[in-house]
PDB file of N, CA and C in Angstrom:
ATOM      1  N   MET A   1     115.930 102.933 116.048  1.00  0.00           N
ATOM      2  CA  MET A   1     115.482 102.436 114.688  1.00  0.00           C
ATOM      3  C   MET A   1     116.556 102.176 113.747  1.00  0.00           C
ATOM      4  N   LYS A   2     116.349 101.448 112.897  1.00  0.00           N
ATOM      5  CA  LYS A   2     117.301 101.020 111.895  1.00  0.00           C
ATOM      6  C   LYS A   2     116.967 102.081 110.448  1.00  0.00           C
ATOM      7  N   LYS A   3     118.047 102.008 109.726  1.00  0.00           N
ATOM      8  CA  LYS A   3     117.473 102.764 108.553  1.00  0.00           C
ATOM      9  C   LYS A   3     116.710 102.021 107.620  1.00  0.00           C
ATOM     10  N   GLU A   4     116.689 100.568 107.691  1.00  0.00           N
ATOM     11  CA  GLU A   4     115.730  99.646 107.086  1.00  0.00           C
ATOM     12  C   GLU A   4     114.182  99.915 107.418  1.00  0.00           C
ATOM     13  N   ASP A   5     114.067 100.353 108.653  1.00  0.00           N
ATOM     14  CA  ASP A   5     112.867 100.623 109.171  1.00  0.00           C
ATOM     15  C   ASP A   5     111.996 101.715 108.175  1.00  0.00           C
ATOM     16  N   PHE A   6     112.625 102.415 107.417  1.00  0.00           N
ATOM     17  CA  PHE A   6     112.102 103.516 106.644  1.00  0.00           C
ATOM     18  C   PHE A   6     111.780 103.031 105.158  1.00  0.00           C
ATOM     19  N   TYR A   7     112.374 101.943 104.868  1.00  0.00           N
ATOM     20  CA  TYR A   7     112.226 101.327 103.573  1.00  0.00           C
ATOM     21  C   TYR A   7     110.688 101.203 103.028  1.00  0.00           C
ATOM     22  N   THR A   8     110.200 101.556 102.002  1.00  0.00           N
ATOM     23  CA  THR A   8     108.906 101.379 101.818  1.00  0.00           C
ATOM     24  C   THR A   8     109.010 100.449 100.329  1.00  0.00           C
ATOM     25  N   VAL A   9     109.987 100.341  99.681  1.00  0.00           N
ATOM     26  CA  VAL A   9     109.960  99.768  98.338  1.00  0.00           C
ATOM     27  C   VAL A   9     109.689  98.304  98.781  1.00  0.00           C
ATOM     28  N   PRO A  10     110.227  97.552  99.699  1.00  0.00           N
ATOM     29  CA  PRO A  10     109.899  96.086  99.995  1.00  0.00           C
ATOM     30  C   PRO A  10     108.627  95.916 100.174  1.00  0.00           C
ATOM     31  N   LYS A  11     108.143  96.738 101.000  1.00  0.00           N
ATOM     32  CA  LYS A  11     106.607  96.662 101.573  1.00  0.00           C
ATOM     33  C   LYS A  11     105.721  96.987 100.682  1.00  0.00           C
ATOM     34  N   ALA A  12     105.838  97.789  99.535  1.00  0.00           N
ATOM     35  CA  ALA A  12     104.929  98.256  98.321  1.00  0.00           C
ATOM     36  C   ALA A  12     105.124  97.141  97.461  1.00  0.00           C
ATOM     37  N   ASN A  13     106.367  96.529  97.144  1.00  0.00           N
ATOM     38  CA  ASN A  13     106.535  95.142  96.235  1.00  0.00           C
ATOM     39  C   ASN A  13     105.432  93.948  96.858  1.00  0.00           C
ATOM     40  N   ALA A  14     105.458  93.790  98.082  1.00  0.00           N
ATOM     41  CA  ALA A  14     104.793  92.699  98.761  1.00  0.00           C
ATOM     42  C   ALA A  14     103.417  93.028  98.724  1.00  0.00           C
ATOM     43  N   GLY A  15     102.937  94.259  98.777  1.00  0.00           N
ATOM     44  CA  GLY A  15     101.614  94.520  98.701  1.00  0.00           C
ATOM     45  C   GLY A  15     100.935  94.410  99.950  1.00  0.00           C
ATOM     46  N   ILE A  16      99.405  94.905 100.079  1.00  0.00           N
ATOM     47  CA  ILE A  16      98.615  94.806 101.436  1.00  0.00           C
ATOM     48  C   ILE A  16      97.189  94.267 100.695  1.00  0.00           C
ATOM     49  N   LYS A  17      96.287  93.651 101.488  1.00  0.00           N
ATOM     50  CA  LYS A  17      95.084  93.082 101.094  1.00  0.00           C
ATOM     51  C   LYS A  17      94.073  94.278 101.350  1.00  0.00           C
ATOM     52  N   LEU A  18      93.362  94.534  99.942  1.00  0.00           N
ATOM     53  CA  LEU A  18      92.410  95.280  99.980  1.00  0.00           C
ATOM     54  C   LEU A  18      91.075  94.615 100.021  1.00  0.00           C
ATOM     55  N   PRO A  19      90.294  94.606 101.055  1.00  0.00           N
ATOM     56  CA  PRO A  19      88.935  94.044 101.045  1.00  0.00           C
ATOM     57  C   PRO A  19      88.191  94.601 100.055  1.00  0.00           C
ATOM     58  N   LEU A  20      87.360  93.763  99.364  1.00  0.00           N
ATOM     59  CA  LEU A  20      86.453  94.302  98.426  1.00  0.00           C
ATOM     60  C   LEU A  20      84.939  94.106  98.956  1.00  0.00           C
ATOM     61  N   LEU A  21      84.453  95.573  99.129  1.00  0.00           N
ATOM     62  CA  LEU A  21      83.121  95.726  99.793  1.00  0.00           C
ATOM     63  C   LEU A  21      81.902  95.536  98.804  1.00  0.00           C
ATOM     64  N   LYS A  22      80.849  95.133  99.399  1.00  0.00           N
ATOM     65  CA  LYS A  22      79.480  95.015  98.743  1.00  0.00           C
ATOM     66  C   LYS A  22      79.029  96.379  98.344  1.00  0.00           C
ATOM     67  N   GLU A  23      77.914  96.405  97.792  1.00  0.00           N
ATOM     68  CA  GLU A  23      77.226  97.952  97.615  1.00  0.00           C
ATOM     69  C   GLU A  23      76.769  98.494  98.780  1.00  0.00           C
ATOM     70  N   ASP A  24      76.465  97.661  99.926  1.00  0.00           N
ATOM     71  CA  ASP A  24      75.952  98.179 101.056  1.00  0.00           C
ATOM     72  C   ASP A  24      77.110  98.541 102.020  1.00  0.00           C
ATOM     73  N   GLY A  25      78.493  98.435 101.573  1.00  0.00           N
ATOM     74  CA  GLY A  25      79.571  98.777 102.392  1.00  0.00           C
ATOM     75  C   GLY A  25      80.097  97.526 103.293  1.00  0.00           C
ATOM     76  N   SER A  26      79.361  96.352 103.078  1.00  0.00           N
ATOM     77  CA  SER A  26      79.783  95.290 103.941  1.00  0.00           C
ATOM     78  C   SER A  26      80.820  94.593 103.439  1.00  0.00           C
ATOM     79  N   ASP A  27      81.663  93.889 104.137  1.00  0.00           N
ATOM     80  CA  ASP A  27      82.757  92.981 103.562  1.00  0.00           C
ATOM     81  C   ASP A  27      82.336  91.731 102.631  1.00  0.00           C
ATOM     82  N   SER A  28      82.657  91.600 101.367  1.00  0.00           N
ATOM     83  CA  SER A  28      82.129  90.569 100.691  1.00  0.00           C
ATOM     84  C   SER A  28      83.002  89.330 100.744  1.00  0.00           C
ATOM     85  N   GLY A  29      84.230  89.379 101.457  1.00  0.00           N
ATOM     86  CA  GLY A  29      84.954  88.192 101.525  1.00  0.00           C
ATOM     87  C   GLY A  29      85.989  88.118 100.724  1.00  0.00           C
ATOM     88  N   GLN A  30      86.084  89.049  99.516  1.00  0.00           N
ATOM     89  CA  GLN A  30      86.894  88.880  98.551  1.00  0.00           C
ATOM     90  C   GLN A  30      87.809  90.070  98.653  1.00  0.00           C
ATOM     91  N   TRP A  31      89.119  89.946  98.056  1.00  0.00           N
ATOM     92  CA  TRP A  31      90.086  90.991  98.298  1.00  0.00           C
ATOM     93  C   TRP A  31      91.123  90.875  97.125  1.00  0.00           C
ATOM     94  N   LEU A  32      91.884  92.139  96.995  1.00  0.00           N
ATOM     95  CA  LEU A  32      93.038  92.234  96.225  1.00  0.00           C
ATOM     96  C   LEU A  32      94.096  92.340  96.822  1.00  0.00           C
ATOM     97  N   LEU A  33      95.128  91.886  96.163  1.00  0.00           N
ATOM     98  CA  LEU A  33      96.509  92.239  96.927  1.00  0.00           C
ATOM     99  C   LEU A  33      97.244  93.391  96.048  1.00  0.00           C
ATOM    100  N   VAL A  34      97.202  94.498  96.810  1.00  0.00           N
ATOM    101  CA  VAL A  34      97.676  95.861  95.900  1.00  0.00           C
ATOM    102  C   VAL A  34      98.950  96.132  96.447  1.00  0.00           C
ATOM    103  N   ARG A  35      99.856  96.263  95.301  1.00  0.00           N
ATOM    104  CA  ARG A  35     101.179  96.972  95.605  1.00  0.00           C
ATOM    105  C   ARG A  35     100.963  98.486  95.843  1.00  0.00           C
ATOM    106  N   GLY A  36     102.020  99.085  96.307  1.00  0.00           N
ATOM    107  CA  GLY A  36     101.931 100.483  96.528  1.00  0.00           C
ATOM    108  C   GLY A  36     102.792 101.280  95.242  1.00  0.00           C
ATOM    109  N   THR A  37     102.404 102.449  95.216  1.00  0.00           N
ATOM    110  CA  THR A  37     103.107 103.332  94.083  1.00  0.00           C
ATOM    111  C   THR A  37     104.760 103.321  94.313  1.00  0.00           C
ATOM    112  N   ASP A  38     105.300 102.919  95.347  1.00  0.00           N
ATOM    113  CA  ASP A  38     106.562 102.782  95.601  1.00  0.00           C
ATOM    114  C   ASP A  38     107.220 101.397  94.895  1.00  0.00           C
ATOM    115  N   SER A  39     106.262 100.516  94.433  1.00  0.00           N
ATOM    116  CA  SER A  39     106.700  99.174  93.952  1.00  0.00           C
ATOM    117  C   SER A  39     107.601  99.407  92.709  1.00  0.00           C
ATOM    118  N   ASP A  40     108.238  98.334  92.305  1.00  0.00           N
ATOM    119  CA  ASP A  40     108.854  98.451  91.073  1.00  0.00           C
ATOM    120  C   ASP A  40     108.183  98.187  90.095  1.00  0.00           C
ATOM    121  N   ALA A  41     106.853  97.279  90.258  1.00  0.00           N
ATOM    122  CA  ALA A  41     106.055  97.207  88.946  1.00  0.00           C
ATOM    123  C   ALA A  41     105.358  98.484  88.721  1.00  0.00           C
ATOM    124  N   PHE A  42     105.086  99.370  89.645  1.00  0.00           N
ATOM    125  CA  PHE A  42     104.242 100.452  89.352  1.00  0.00           C
ATOM    126  C   PHE A  42     105.052 101.555  88.816  1.00  0.00           C
ATOM    127  N   ARG A  43     106.361 101.647  89.261  1.00  0.00           N
ATOM    128  CA  ARG A  43     107.450 102.603  88.753  1.00  0.00           C
ATOM    129  C   ARG A  43     107.701 102.416  87.339  1.00  0.00           C
ATOM    130  N   LYS A  44     107.822 100.939  86.960  1.00  0.00           N
ATOM    131  CA  LYS A  44     108.204 100.590  85.539  1.00  0.00           C
ATOM    132  C   LYS A  44     106.880 100.868  84.865  1.00  0.00           C
ATOM    133  N   SER A  45     105.768 100.544  85.144  1.00  0.00           N
ATOM    134  CA  SER A  45     104.554 101.181  84.466  1.00  0.00           C
ATOM    135  C   SER A  45     104.470 102.480  84.231  1.00  0.00           C
ATOM    136  N   SER A  46     104.507 103.070  85.352  1.00  0.00           N
ATOM    137  CA  SER A  46     104.582 104.625  85.170  1.00  0.00           C
ATOM    138  C   SER A  46     105.494 105.282  84.302  1.00  0.00           C
ATOM    139  N   PHE A  47     106.767 104.738  84.095  1.00  0.00           N
ATOM    140  CA  PHE A  47     107.734 105.234  83.309  1.00  0.00           C
ATOM    141  C   PHE A  47     107.168 105.044  81.828  1.00  0.00           C
ATOM    142  N   GLU A  48     106.723 103.626  81.577  1.00  0.00           N
ATOM    143  CA  GLU A  48     106.092 103.341  80.373  1.00  0.00           C
ATOM    144  C   GLU A  48     104.869 104.121  79.756  1.00  0.00           C
ATOM    145  N   SER A  49     104.253 104.553  80.949  1.00  0.00           N
ATOM    146  CA  SER A  49     103.015 105.229  80.636  1.00  0.00           C
ATOM    147  C   SER A  49     103.433 106.714  79.979  1.00  0.00           C
ATOM    148  N   SER A  50     104.363 107.213  80.758  1.00  0.00           N
ATOM    149  CA  SER A  50     105.066 108.693  80.397  1.00  0.00           C
ATOM    150  C   SER A  50     105.477 108.588  79.057  1.00  0.00           C
ATOM    151  N   GLN A  51     106.078 107.691  78.813  1.00  0.00           N
ATOM    152  CA  GLN A  51     106.673 107.627  77.392  1.00  0.00           C
ATOM    153  C   GLN A  51     105.464 107.433  76.412  1.00  0.00           C
ATOM    154  N   ALA A  52     104.439 106.607  76.483  1.00  0.00           N
ATOM    155  CA  ALA A  52     103.432 106.415  75.798  1.00  0.00           C
ATOM    156  C   ALA A  52     102.419 107.884  75.587  1.00  0.00           C
ATOM    157  N   VAL A  53     102.492 108.679  76.686  1.00  0.00           N
ATOM    158  CA  VAL A  53     101.559 109.714  76.374  1.00  0.00           C
ATOM    159  C   VAL A  53     102.577 110.807  75.691  1.00  0.00           C
ATOM    160  N   SER A  54     103.625 110.875  75.873  1.00  0.00           N
ATOM    161  CA  SER A  54     104.512 111.759  75.237  1.00  0.00           C
ATOM    162  C   SER A  54     104.602 111.521  73.864  1.00  0.00           C
ATOM    163  N   LYS A  55     104.212 110.190  73.354  1.00  0.00           N
ATOM    164  CA  LYS A  55     104.243 109.743  71.733  1.00  0.00           C
ATOM    165  C   LYS A  55     102.851 110.023  71.208  1.00  0.00           C
ATOM    166  N   LEU A  56     101.904 110.340  72.061  1.00  0.00           N
ATOM    167  CA  LEU A  56     100.486 110.455  71.376  1.00  0.00           C
ATOM    168  C   LEU A  56     100.657 111.770  70.243  1.00  0.00           C
ATOM    169  N   PRO A  57     100.048 111.492  69.020  1.00  0.00           N
ATOM    170  CA  PRO A  57     100.159 112.435  67.995  1.00  0.00           C
ATOM    171  C   PRO A  57      99.447 113.749  68.597  1.00  0.00           C
ATOM    172  N   GLU A  58     100.177 114.821  68.185  1.00  0.00           N
ATOM    173  CA  GLU A  58      99.598 116.261  68.419  1.00  0.00           C
ATOM    174  C   GLU A  58      98.203 116.535  67.608  1.00  0.00           C
ATOM    175  N   ASP A  59      98.021 115.798  66.748  1.00  0.00           N
ATOM    176  CA  ASP A  59      96.710 116.303  65.965  1.00  0.00           C
ATOM    177  C   ASP A  59      95.540 115.440  66.360  1.00  0.00           C
ATOM    178  N   MET A  60      95.843 114.504  67.386  1.00  0.00           N
ATOM    179  CA  MET A  60      94.763 113.705  67.896  1.00  0.00           C
ATOM    180  C   MET A  60      93.712 114.594  68.568  1.00  0.00           C
ATOM    181  N   ASP A  61      92.598 114.106  68.180  1.00  0.00           N
ATOM    182  CA  ASP A  61      91.216 114.953  68.693  1.00  0.00           C
ATOM    183  C   ASP A  61      91.255 114.584  70.226  1.00  0.00           C
ATOM    184  N   ASP A  62      90.516 115.417  71.037  1.00  0.00           N
ATOM    185  CA  ASP A  62      90.451 115.502  72.477  1.00  0.00           C
ATOM    186  C   ASP A  62      89.810 114.092  72.866  1.00  0.00           C
ATOM    187  N   TRP A  63      88.713 113.594  72.167  1.00  0.00           N
ATOM    188  CA  TRP A  63      88.064 112.384  72.681  1.00  0.00           C
ATOM    189  C   TRP A  63      89.232 111.139  72.553  1.00  0.00           C
ATOM    190  N   GLU A  64      89.782 111.137  71.379  1.00  0.00           N
ATOM    191  CA  GLU A  64      90.831 110.231  71.362  1.00  0.00           C
ATOM    192  C   GLU A  64      91.850 110.414  72.318  1.00  0.00           C
ATOM    193  N   ARG A  65      92.362 111.251  72.563  1.00  0.00           N
ATOM    194  CA  ARG A  65      93.450 111.640  73.426  1.00  0.00           C
ATOM    195  C   ARG A  65      93.034 110.922  74.882  1.00  0.00           C
ATOM    196  N   SER A  66      91.665 111.611  75.382  1.00  0.00           N
ATOM    197  CA  SER A  66      91.199 111.362  76.563  1.00  0.00           C
ATOM    198  C   SER A  66      91.182 109.550  76.635  1.00  0.00           C
ATOM    199  N   ARG A  67      90.714 109.033  75.573  1.00  0.00           N
ATOM    200  CA  ARG A  67      90.573 107.533  75.577  1.00  0.00           C
ATOM    201  C   ARG A  67      91.982 106.850  75.701  1.00  0.00           C
ATOM    202  N   ALA A  68      93.099 107.406  75.135  1.00  0.00           N
ATOM    203  CA  ALA A  68      94.404 107.124  75.239  1.00  0.00           C
ATOM    204  C   ALA A  68      94.912 107.034  76.576  1.00  0.00           C
ATOM    205  N   ILE A  69      94.765 108.131  77.123  1.00  0.00           N
ATOM    206  CA  ILE A  69      95.215 108.574  78.545  1.00  0.00           C
ATOM    207  C   ILE A  69      94.442 107.540  79.521  1.00  0.00           C
ATOM    208  N   ASP A  70      93.140 107.395  79.320  1.00  0.00           N
ATOM    209  CA  ASP A  70      92.581 106.408  80.199  1.00  0.00           C
ATOM    210  C   ASP A  70      93.101 104.956  80.220  1.00  0.00           C
ATOM    211  N   GLU A  71      93.477 104.480  79.043  1.00  0.00           N
ATOM    212  CA  GLU A  71      94.198 103.328  78.822  1.00  0.00           C
ATOM    213  C   GLU A  71      95.712 103.286  79.634  1.00  0.00           C
ATOM    214  N   VAL A  72      96.270 104.354  79.519  1.00  0.00           N
ATOM    215  CA  VAL A  72      97.440 104.535  80.346  1.00  0.00           C
ATOM    216  C   VAL A  72      97.242 104.366  81.730  1.00  0.00           C
ATOM    217  N   ILE A  73      96.326 105.011  82.126  1.00  0.00           N
ATOM    218  CA  ILE A  73      96.030 105.117  83.726  1.00  0.00           C
ATOM    219  C   ILE A  73      95.553 103.653  83.937  1.00  0.00           C
ATOM    220  N   LEU A  74      94.871 102.997  83.226  1.00  0.00           N
ATOM    221  CA  LEU A  74      94.446 101.529  83.406  1.00  0.00           C
ATOM    222  C   LEU A  74      95.725 100.754  83.534  1.00  0.00           C
ATOM    223  N   ASN A  75      96.481 100.887  82.730  1.00  0.00           N
ATOM    224  CA  ASN A  75      97.701 100.048  82.669  1.00  0.00           C
ATOM    225  C   ASN A  75      98.529 100.216  84.125  1.00  0.00           C
ATOM    226  N   ASP A  76      98.511 101.356  84.429  1.00  0.00           N
ATOM    227  CA  ASP A  76      99.119 101.754  85.832  1.00  0.00           C
ATOM    228  C   ASP A  76      98.400 100.913  86.953  1.00  0.00           C
ATOM    229  N   LEU A  77      97.029 101.037  86.964  1.00  0.00           N
ATOM    230  CA  LEU A  77      96.439 100.406  87.822  1.00  0.00           C
ATOM    231  C   LEU A  77      96.468  98.838  87.993  1.00  0.00           C
ATOM    232  N   VAL A  78      96.341  98.396  86.541  1.00  0.00           N
ATOM    233  CA  VAL A  78      96.585  96.962  86.295  1.00  0.00           C
ATOM    234  C   VAL A  78      97.917  96.410  87.207  1.00  0.00           C
ATOM    235  N   ALA A  79      98.882  97.306  87.001  1.00  0.00           N
ATOM    236  CA  ALA A  79     100.236  97.017  87.500  1.00  0.00           C
ATOM    237  C   ALA A  79     100.344  96.828  89.092  1.00  0.00           C
ATOM    238  N   LEU A  80      99.469  97.572  89.730  1.00  0.00           N
ATOM    239  CA  LEU A  80      99.241  97.726  91.175  1.00  0.00           C
ATOM    240  C   LEU A  80      98.672  96.304  91.731  1.00  0.00           C
ATOM    241  N   VAL A  81      97.940  95.427  90.977  1.00  0.00           N
ATOM    242  CA  VAL A  81      97.338  94.476  91.509  1.00  0.00           C
ATOM    243  C   VAL A  81      98.258  93.045  91.297  1.00  0.00           C
ATOM    244  N   ALA A  82      98.692  92.692  92.576  1.00  0.00           N
ATOM    245  CA  ALA A  82      99.566  91.555  92.461  1.00  0.00           C
ATOM    246  C   ALA A  82      98.771  90.146  92.690  1.00  0.00           C
ATOM    247  N   GLY A  83      97.665  90.144  93.033  1.00  0.00           N
ATOM    248  CA  GLY A  83      96.941  88.820  93.347  1.00  0.00           C
ATOM    249  C   GLY A  83      95.397  89.273  93.862  1.00  0.00           C
ATOM    250  N   TRP A  84      94.654  88.137  93.803  1.00  0.00           N
ATOM    251  CA  TRP A  84      93.316  88.262  94.353  1.00  0.00           C
ATOM    252  C   TRP A  84      92.616  87.023  94.796  1.00  0.00           C
ATOM    253  N   SER A  85      91.508  87.105  95.370  1.00  0.00           N
ATOM    254  CA  SER A  85      90.895  85.814  95.908  1.00  0.00           C
ATOM    255  C   SER A  85      89.907  85.262  95.160  1.00  0.00           C
ATOM    256  N   PHE A  86      89.756  85.775  93.925  1.00  0.00           N
ATOM    257  CA  PHE A  86      88.673  85.149  92.817  1.00  0.00           C
ATOM    258  C   PHE A  86      89.383  83.712  92.620  1.00  0.00           C
ATOM    259  N   LYS A  87      88.751  82.897  91.963  1.00  0.00           N
ATOM    260  CA  LYS A  87      89.018  81.616  91.460  1.00  0.00           C
ATOM    261  C   LYS A  87      90.024  81.582  90.288  1.00  0.00           C
ATOM    262  N   GLU A  88      89.525  82.668  89.476  1.00  0.00           N
ATOM    263  CA  GLU A  88      90.261  82.906  88.227  1.00  0.00           C
ATOM    264  C   GLU A  88      91.520  83.374  88.450  1.00  0.00           C
ATOM    265  N   ALA A  89      92.404  82.971  87.529  1.00  0.00           N
ATOM    266  CA  ALA A  89      93.768  83.381  87.566  1.00  0.00           C
ATOM    267  C   ALA A  89      93.988  84.940  87.420  1.00  0.00           C
ATOM    268  N   CYS A  90      94.813  85.505  88.157  1.00  0.00           N
ATOM    269  CA  CYS A  90      95.086  86.829  88.308  1.00  0.00           C
ATOM    270  C   CYS A  90      96.130  87.217  87.321  1.00  0.00           C
ATOM    271  N   THR A  91      95.575  87.527  86.025  1.00  0.00           N
ATOM    272  CA  THR A  91      96.381  87.811  84.946  1.00  0.00           C
ATOM    273  C   THR A  91      96.384  89.262  84.489  1.00  0.00           C
ATOM    274  N   PRO A  92      97.240  89.996  84.056  1.00  0.00           N
ATOM    275  CA  PRO A  92      96.853  91.410  83.686  1.00  0.00           C
ATOM    276  C   PRO A  92      95.567  91.652  82.833  1.00  0.00           C
ATOM    277  N   ASP A  93      95.396  90.505  81.840  1.00  0.00           N
ATOM    278  CA  ASP A  93      94.036  90.683  81.117  1.00  0.00           C
ATOM    279  C   ASP A  93      92.817  90.712  81.984  1.00  0.00           C
ATOM    280  N   ALA A  94      92.869  89.510  82.867  1.00  0.00           N
ATOM    281  CA  ALA A  94      91.793  89.466  83.896  1.00  0.00           C
ATOM    282  C   ALA A  94      91.512  90.723  84.883  1.00  0.00           C
ATOM    283  N   VAL A  95      92.578  91.209  85.184  1.00  0.00           N
ATOM    284  CA  VAL A  95      92.599  92.522  86.179  1.00  0.00           C
ATOM    285  C   VAL A  95      91.989  93.618  85.213  1.00  0.00           C
ATOM    286  N   ARG A  96      92.471  93.772  84.171  1.00  0.00           N
ATOM    287  CA  ARG A  96      91.951  94.856  83.182  1.00  0.00           C
ATOM    288  C   ARG A  96      90.689  94.853  83.056  1.00  0.00           C
ATOM    289  N   GLU A  97      90.050  93.569  82.705  1.00  0.00           N
ATOM    290  CA  GLU A  97      88.503  93.461  82.393  1.00  0.00           C
ATOM    291  C   GLU A  97      87.857  93.676  83.672  1.00  0.00           C
ATOM    292  N   PHE A  98      88.499  93.359  84.911  1.00  0.00           N
ATOM    293  CA  PHE A  98      87.753  93.577  86.236  1.00  0.00           C
ATOM    294  C   PHE A  98      87.670  95.008  86.420  1.00  0.00           C
ATOM    295  N   LEU A  99      88.864  95.696  86.455  1.00  0.00           N
ATOM    296  CA  LEU A  99      88.724  97.320  86.568  1.00  0.00           C
ATOM    297  C   LEU A  99      87.889  98.055  85.755  1.00  0.00           C
ATOM    298  N   LYS A 100      87.899  97.367  84.270  1.00  0.00           N
ATOM    299  CA  LYS A 100      87.083  98.271  83.348  1.00  0.00           C
ATOM    300  C   LYS A 100      85.716  98.324  83.776  1.00  0.00           C
ATOM    301  N   ASN A 101      85.287  97.090  84.259  1.00  0.00           N
ATOM    302  CA  ASN A 101      83.885  96.952  84.637  1.00  0.00           C
ATOM    303  C   ASN A 101      83.433  97.278  86.084  1.00  0.00           C
ATOM    304  N   ALA A 102      84.478  97.620  86.950  1.00  0.00           N
ATOM    305  CA  ALA A 102      84.321  97.861  88.331  1.00  0.00           C
ATOM    306  C   ALA A 102      85.196  99.214  88.637  1.00  0.00           C
ATOM    307  N   PRO A 103      84.630 100.105  88.130  1.00  0.00           N
ATOM    308  CA  PRO A 103      85.564 101.430  88.249  1.00  0.00           C
ATOM    309  C   PRO A 103      85.680 101.847  89.932  1.00  0.00           C
ATOM    310  N   GLN A 104      84.702 101.589  90.617  1.00  0.00           N
ATOM    311  CA  GLN A 104      84.925 101.772  92.122  1.00  0.00           C
ATOM    312  C   GLN A 104      86.045 101.025  92.580  1.00  0.00           C
ATOM    313  N   ILE A 105      86.165  99.907  92.116  1.00  0.00           N
ATOM    314  CA  ILE A 105      87.304  99.192  92.750  1.00  0.00           C
ATOM    315  C   ILE A 105      88.751  99.843  92.261  1.00  0.00           C
ATOM    316  N   ALA A 106      88.857 100.381  91.033  1.00  0.00           N
ATOM    317  CA  ALA A 106      89.833 100.817  90.484  1.00  0.00           C
ATOM    318  C   ALA A 106      90.334 102.256  91.150  1.00  0.00           C
ATOM    319  N   ALA A 107      89.206 102.977  91.574  1.00  0.00           N
ATOM    320  CA  ALA A 107      89.312 104.168  92.354  1.00  0.00           C
ATOM    321  C   ALA A 107      89.925 103.902  93.791  1.00  0.00           C
ATOM    322  N   ALA A 108      89.629 102.714  94.203  1.00  0.00           N
ATOM    323  CA  ALA A 108      89.866 102.310  95.684  1.00  0.00           C
ATOM    324  C   ALA A 108      91.495 101.815  95.577  1.00  0.00           C
ATOM    325  N   ILE A 109      91.842 101.112  94.544  1.00  0.00           N
ATOM    326  CA  ILE A 109      93.113 100.937  94.336  1.00  0.00           C
ATOM    327  C   ILE A 109      93.952 102.072  94.357  1.00  0.00           C
ATOM    328  N   ASP A 110      93.774 102.942  93.502  1.00  0.00           N
ATOM    329  CA  ASP A 110      94.463 104.377  93.253  1.00  0.00           C
ATOM    330  C   ASP A 110      94.595 104.964  94.622  1.00  0.00           C
ATOM    331  N   GLN A 111      93.451 105.163  95.348  1.00  0.00           N
ATOM    332  CA  GLN A 111      93.768 105.891  96.620  1.00  0.00           C
ATOM    333  C   GLN A 111      94.536 104.932  97.586  1.00  0.00           C
ATOM    334  N   VAL A 112      94.414 103.660  97.825  1.00  0.00           N
ATOM    335  CA  VAL A 112      95.218 103.075  98.550  1.00  0.00           C
ATOM    336  C   VAL A 112      96.488 102.812  98.297  1.00  0.00           C
ATOM    337  N   ALA A 113      96.899 102.660  97.108  1.00  0.00           N
ATOM    338  CA  ALA A 113      98.248 102.347  96.745  1.00  0.00           C
ATOM    339  C   ALA A 113      99.029 103.759  96.905  1.00  0.00           C
ATOM    340  N   ALA A 114      98.498 104.808  96.886  1.00  0.00           N
ATOM    341  CA  ALA A 114      99.282 105.906  96.906  1.00  0.00           C
ATOM    342  C   ALA A 114      99.559 106.587  98.354  1.00  0.00           C
ATOM    343  N   ASP A 115      98.788 105.908  99.351  1.00  0.00           N
ATOM    344  CA  ASP A 115      98.896 106.072 100.668  1.00  0.00           C
ATOM    345  C   ASP A 115     100.065 105.363 101.386  1.00  0.00           C
ATOM    346  N   ARG A 116     101.200 105.865 101.525  1.00  0.00           N
ATOM    347  CA  ARG A 116     102.305 105.055 101.973  1.00  0.00           C
ATOM    348  C   ARG A 116     102.194 104.581 103.477  1.00  0.00           C
ATOM    349  N   THR A 117     101.219 105.473 104.328  1.00  0.00           N
ATOM    350  CA  THR A 117     100.998 104.752 105.543  1.00  0.00           C
ATOM    351  C   THR A 117     100.377 103.532 105.535  1.00  0.00           C
ATOM    352  N   LYS A 118      99.775 103.009 104.664  1.00  0.00           N
ATOM    353  CA  LYS A 118      99.129 101.727 104.593  1.00  0.00           C
ATOM    354  C   LYS A 118     100.422 100.623 104.419  1.00  0.00           C
ATOM    355  N   PHE A 119     101.577 101.077 103.679  1.00  0.00           N
ATOM    356  CA  PHE A 119     102.642 100.133 103.492  1.00  0.00           C
ATOM    357  C   PHE A 119     103.709 100.300 104.566  1.00  0.00           C
ATOM    358  N   TYR A 120     103.832 101.581 105.204  1.00  0.00           N
ATOM    359  CA  TYR A 120     104.983 101.777 105.895  1.00  0.00           C
ATOM    360  C   TYR A 120     105.163 100.846 107.113  1.00  0.00           C
ATOM    361  N   GLY A 121     104.117 100.580 107.930  1.00  0.00           N
ATOM    362  CA  GLY A 121     104.292  99.600 109.061  1.00  0.00           C
ATOM    363  C   GLY A 121     103.575  98.173 108.741  1.00  0.00           C
ATOM    364  N   ALA A 122     103.178  97.920 107.319  1.00  0.00           N
ATOM    365  CA  ALA A 122     102.610  96.772 106.897  1.00  0.00           C
ATOM    366  C   ALA A 122     103.380  95.508 107.156  1.00  0.00           C
ATOM    367  N   LYS A 123     102.649  94.709 107.660  1.00  0.00           N
ATOM    368  CA  LYS A 123     103.440  93.108 107.759  1.00  0.00           C
ATOM    369  C   LYS A 123     103.056  92.493 106.287  1.00  0.00           C
ATOM    370  N   PRO A 124     103.985  91.655 105.857  1.00  0.00           N
ATOM    371  CA  PRO A 124     103.681  91.105 104.439  1.00  0.00           C
ATOM    372  C   PRO A 124     102.246  90.458 104.444  1.00  0.00           C
ATOM    373  N   ALA A 125     101.655  90.500 103.297  1.00  0.00           N
ATOM    374  CA  ALA A 125     100.277  89.862 103.255  1.00  0.00           C
ATOM    375  C   ALA A 125     100.643  88.265 102.832  1.00  0.00           C
ATOM    376  N   LYS A 126      99.636  87.720 103.473  1.00  0.00           N
ATOM    377  CA  LYS A 126      99.859  86.202 103.475  1.00  0.00           C
ATOM    378  C   LYS A 126      98.710  85.858 102.449  1.00  0.00           C
TER     379      LYS A 126
END
């Protein structure tokens, strides 16, 4: 093995296809291209999120703080989506709207992106 065989960043940047399932668990034919948490985009978003949370006012009430943190988490999830199969352009705003309205997909992205084994031996997505 070469040392490059252990690199996860290039594979995390390239992303993997996450099939989107219907309510009954069958494949819908749609997919998202999901980056890994080792990706440059996610690491940048995570840094910006940490900064945003640290700047929240001390006197912010719990509900508002919770909503602000939810937005920070959503920003990180949006950064993980590199593409999709929908006809609509895959823009950060479109991804944000999709994930806000499909929390089950947001949860799936979070789970898959954090699983390095999904990216470690992954072939580049096409």
